[in-house]
Amino acid sequence: MATMVNISQAKAQLSRLIEEVQGGGRIVIGKAGRPVAVIVAYHNDPDPRQLGGWRESDVWIADGFDDPLPTDVQAAFEGRS
């Protein structure tokens, strides 16, 4: 179960909240009673990613993948009709 605190409580009690997270807790920060952020413990990945990991797979990128979008599709992304 997560502990929920408001922003002003989080500012005033940050050190205590960090200790709680380090002990396995989870903190939800809310604004006006609605969750807006989560504080969780940081876990360093012991195995760094290796470049070229998908080299021998069936994954491919289509020619023109990064070409500009058609005008109507671009307009839709921008909220224009």
N, C-alpha and C. Protein backbone atom coordinates (compact mmCIF):
# COMPACT_ATOMS: atom_id res chain seq x y z
N MET A 1 0.84 -1.18 0.00
CA MET A 1 0.00 0.00 0.00
C MET A 1 0.88 1.24 0.00
N ALA A 2 0.56 2.21 -0.80
CA ALA A 2 1.33 3.44 -0.89
C ALA A 2 0.82 4.46 0.11
N THR A 3 1.72 5.31 0.55
CA THR A 3 1.38 6.43 1.42
C THR A 3 1.14 7.63 0.53
N MET A 4 0.02 8.34 0.73
CA MET A 4 -0.25 9.54 -0.07
C MET A 4 -0.05 10.77 0.81
N VAL A 5 0.72 11.72 0.27
CA VAL A 5 0.95 13.00 0.95
C VAL A 5 0.71 14.12 -0.05
N ASN A 6 0.36 15.30 0.47
CA ASN A 6 0.21 16.43 -0.44
C ASN A 6 1.56 17.09 -0.66
N ILE A 7 1.63 18.01 -1.58
CA ILE A 7 2.90 18.61 -1.98
C ILE A 7 3.58 19.31 -0.82
N SER A 8 2.83 20.05 -0.02
CA SER A 8 3.47 20.77 1.08
C SER A 8 4.03 19.80 2.12
N GLN A 9 3.32 18.69 2.38
CA GLN A 9 3.85 17.68 3.29
C GLN A 9 5.13 17.07 2.72
N ALA A 10 5.13 16.80 1.42
CA ALA A 10 6.31 16.20 0.79
C ALA A 10 7.52 17.11 0.91
N LYS A 11 7.31 18.42 0.73
CA LYS A 11 8.41 19.38 0.86
C LYS A 11 8.95 19.37 2.30
N ALA A 12 8.04 19.39 3.25
CA ALA A 12 8.44 19.50 4.66
C ALA A 12 9.04 18.20 5.20
N GLN A 13 8.67 17.06 4.62
CA GLN A 13 9.08 15.78 5.17
C GLN A 13 9.89 14.94 4.19
N LEU A 14 10.56 15.57 3.25
CA LEU A 14 11.24 14.83 2.19
C LEU A 14 12.24 13.81 2.74
N SER A 15 13.03 14.19 3.71
CA SER A 15 14.02 13.24 4.27
C SER A 15 13.34 12.00 4.83
N ARG A 16 12.26 12.17 5.58
CA ARG A 16 11.55 11.03 6.15
C ARG A 16 10.92 10.18 5.04
N LEU A 17 10.38 10.82 4.02
CA LEU A 17 9.77 10.08 2.92
C LEU A 17 10.80 9.26 2.16
N ILE A 18 12.00 9.83 1.99
CA ILE A 18 13.07 9.09 1.31
C ILE A 18 13.46 7.86 2.13
N GLU A 19 13.54 8.02 3.44
CA GLU A 19 13.86 6.87 4.29
C GLU A 19 12.79 5.79 4.16
N GLU A 20 11.54 6.20 4.10
CA GLU A 20 10.44 5.24 3.95
C GLU A 20 10.56 4.49 2.62
N VAL A 21 10.90 5.21 1.57
CA VAL A 21 11.06 4.59 0.25
C VAL A 21 12.25 3.62 0.25
N GLN A 22 13.34 4.01 0.91
CA GLN A 22 14.51 3.13 0.98
C GLN A 22 14.19 1.84 1.73
N GLY A 23 13.21 1.91 2.62
CA GLY A 23 12.80 0.74 3.37
C GLY A 23 11.77 -0.11 2.62
N GLY A 24 11.49 0.24 1.38
CA GLY A 24 10.56 -0.55 0.58
C GLY A 24 9.20 0.09 0.38
N GLY A 25 9.01 1.28 0.93
CA GLY A 25 7.72 1.95 0.78
C GLY A 25 7.56 2.61 -0.57
N ARG A 26 6.38 3.13 -0.78
CA ARG A 26 6.05 3.84 -2.03
C ARG A 26 5.25 5.06 -1.62
N ILE A 27 5.63 6.22 -2.11
CA ILE A 27 4.98 7.47 -1.74
C ILE A 27 4.29 8.05 -2.96
N VAL A 28 3.01 8.39 -2.81
CA VAL A 28 2.27 9.07 -3.87
C VAL A 28 2.10 10.52 -3.42
N ILE A 29 2.47 11.45 -4.29
CA ILE A 29 2.30 12.87 -3.99
C ILE A 29 1.05 13.34 -4.73
N GLY A 30 0.18 13.99 -3.98
CA GLY A 30 -1.08 14.45 -4.56
C GLY A 30 -1.20 15.96 -4.54
N LYS A 31 -2.04 16.44 -5.42
CA LYS A 31 -2.37 17.87 -5.49
C LYS A 31 -3.89 17.95 -5.54
N ALA A 32 -4.47 18.64 -4.61
CA ALA A 32 -5.93 18.76 -4.50
C ALA A 32 -6.58 17.38 -4.40
N GLY A 33 -5.89 16.46 -3.69
CA GLY A 33 -6.44 15.14 -3.47
C GLY A 33 -6.29 14.16 -4.63
N ARG A 34 -5.63 14.59 -5.70
CA ARG A 34 -5.44 13.72 -6.87
C ARG A 34 -3.96 13.36 -7.01
N PRO A 35 -3.64 12.10 -7.23
CA PRO A 35 -2.24 11.68 -7.39
C PRO A 35 -1.60 12.35 -8.61
N VAL A 36 -0.38 12.87 -8.44
CA VAL A 36 0.33 13.49 -9.56
C VAL A 36 1.75 12.94 -9.73
N ALA A 37 2.30 12.30 -8.72
CA ALA A 37 3.67 11.78 -8.81
C ALA A 37 3.85 10.64 -7.83
N VAL A 38 4.86 9.83 -8.10
CA VAL A 38 5.18 8.70 -7.23
C VAL A 38 6.68 8.75 -6.91
N ILE A 39 7.02 8.54 -5.66
CA ILE A 39 8.43 8.40 -5.26
C ILE A 39 8.66 6.93 -4.98
N VAL A 40 9.61 6.34 -5.68
CA VAL A 40 9.98 4.95 -5.46
C VAL A 40 11.49 4.87 -5.36
N ALA A 41 11.98 3.77 -4.83
CA ALA A 41 13.42 3.58 -4.69
C ALA A 41 14.07 3.44 -6.07
N TYR A 42 15.28 3.95 -6.18
CA TYR A 42 16.06 3.82 -7.40
C TYR A 42 16.86 2.53 -7.32
N HIS A 43 16.81 1.76 -8.39
CA HIS A 43 17.60 0.53 -8.46
C HIS A 43 18.48 0.61 -9.70
N ASN A 44 19.77 0.63 -9.47
CA ASN A 44 20.72 0.70 -10.58
C ASN A 44 20.71 -0.61 -11.34
N ASP A 45 20.65 -0.54 -12.66
CA ASP A 45 20.68 -1.75 -13.49
C ASP A 45 22.11 -2.27 -13.52
N PRO A 46 22.35 -3.47 -12.98
CA PRO A 46 23.72 -3.97 -12.92
C PRO A 46 24.29 -4.35 -14.29
N ASP A 47 23.42 -4.60 -15.26
CA ASP A 47 23.88 -5.00 -16.59
C ASP A 47 23.62 -3.87 -17.59
N PRO A 48 24.64 -3.10 -17.95
CA PRO A 48 24.43 -2.03 -18.92
C PRO A 48 23.98 -2.60 -20.26
N ARG A 49 23.19 -1.81 -20.98
CA ARG A 49 22.71 -2.25 -22.28
C ARG A 49 23.86 -2.37 -23.27
N GLN A 50 23.77 -3.37 -24.11
CA GLN A 50 24.79 -3.59 -25.13
C GLN A 50 24.25 -3.13 -26.48
N LEU A 51 25.05 -2.38 -27.21
CA LEU A 51 24.64 -1.93 -28.53
C LEU A 51 24.52 -3.12 -29.48
N GLY A 52 23.58 -3.04 -30.40
CA GLY A 52 23.43 -4.08 -31.41
C GLY A 52 22.71 -5.31 -30.93
N GLY A 53 21.98 -5.23 -29.85
CA GLY A 53 21.31 -6.39 -29.29
C GLY A 53 20.27 -7.01 -30.20
N TRP A 54 19.71 -6.22 -31.11
CA TRP A 54 18.69 -6.74 -32.02
C TRP A 54 19.26 -7.03 -33.41
N ARG A 55 20.54 -6.96 -33.56
CA ARG A 55 21.18 -7.09 -34.87
C ARG A 55 20.76 -8.37 -35.59
N GLU A 56 20.67 -9.48 -34.88
CA GLU A 56 20.36 -10.77 -35.51
C GLU A 56 18.86 -11.10 -35.48
N SER A 57 18.02 -10.14 -35.13
CA SER A 57 16.58 -10.42 -35.04
C SER A 57 15.88 -10.07 -36.34
N ASP A 58 14.58 -10.29 -36.38
CA ASP A 58 13.78 -9.99 -37.56
C ASP A 58 13.26 -8.56 -37.55
N VAL A 59 13.74 -7.73 -36.66
CA VAL A 59 13.30 -6.34 -36.58
C VAL A 59 13.96 -5.54 -37.70
N TRP A 60 13.15 -4.71 -38.36
CA TRP A 60 13.69 -3.85 -39.41
C TRP A 60 12.96 -2.52 -39.38
N ILE A 61 13.57 -1.51 -39.93
CA ILE A 61 12.97 -0.17 -40.02
C ILE A 61 12.73 0.11 -41.49
N ALA A 62 11.49 0.46 -41.80
CA ALA A 62 11.10 0.69 -43.18
C ALA A 62 11.82 1.90 -43.78
N ASP A 63 12.10 1.82 -45.07
CA ASP A 63 12.61 2.99 -45.78
C ASP A 63 11.58 4.09 -45.64
N GLY A 64 12.03 5.29 -45.41
CA GLY A 64 11.11 6.42 -45.27
C GLY A 64 10.50 6.54 -43.88
N PHE A 65 10.99 5.76 -42.91
CA PHE A 65 10.46 5.79 -41.55
C PHE A 65 10.42 7.22 -40.99
N ASP A 66 11.46 7.98 -41.26
CA ASP A 66 11.54 9.33 -40.69
C ASP A 66 11.18 10.42 -41.70
N ASP A 67 10.50 10.05 -42.78
CA ASP A 67 10.02 11.05 -43.73
C ASP A 67 8.93 11.89 -43.08
N PRO A 68 8.72 13.11 -43.56
CA PRO A 68 7.64 13.93 -43.00
C PRO A 68 6.29 13.24 -43.17
N LEU A 69 5.38 13.49 -42.24
CA LEU A 69 4.04 12.92 -42.31
C LEU A 69 3.24 13.59 -43.42
N PRO A 70 2.25 12.88 -43.97
CA PRO A 70 1.34 13.54 -44.91
C PRO A 70 0.67 14.73 -44.23
N THR A 71 0.33 15.73 -44.98
CA THR A 71 -0.21 16.98 -44.44
C THR A 71 -1.44 16.75 -43.57
N ASP A 72 -2.37 15.88 -44.00
CA ASP A 72 -3.59 15.65 -43.22
C ASP A 72 -3.30 14.95 -41.90
N VAL A 73 -2.35 14.04 -41.88
CA VAL A 73 -1.98 13.35 -40.65
C VAL A 73 -1.29 14.33 -39.69
N GLN A 74 -0.39 15.15 -40.20
CA GLN A 74 0.28 16.15 -39.37
C GLN A 74 -0.72 17.11 -38.78
N ALA A 75 -1.70 17.53 -39.57
CA ALA A 75 -2.74 18.44 -39.08
C ALA A 75 -3.53 17.80 -37.94
N ALA A 76 -3.82 16.52 -38.05
CA ALA A 76 -4.57 15.82 -37.00
C ALA A 76 -3.76 15.78 -35.71
N PHE A 77 -2.46 15.55 -35.79
CA PHE A 77 -1.61 15.54 -34.59
C PHE A 77 -1.57 16.91 -33.95
N GLU A 78 -1.69 17.95 -34.73
CA GLU A 78 -1.64 19.32 -34.22
C GLU A 78 -3.01 19.84 -33.83
N GLY A 79 -4.06 19.01 -33.96
CA GLY A 79 -5.40 19.42 -33.58
C GLY A 79 -6.09 20.27 -34.61
N ARG A 80 -5.56 20.28 -35.83
CA ARG A 80 -6.21 21.03 -36.91
C ARG A 80 -7.03 20.06 -37.75
N SER A 81 -8.07 20.54 -38.34
CA SER A 81 -8.93 19.67 -39.19
C SER A 81 -8.42 19.65 -40.61
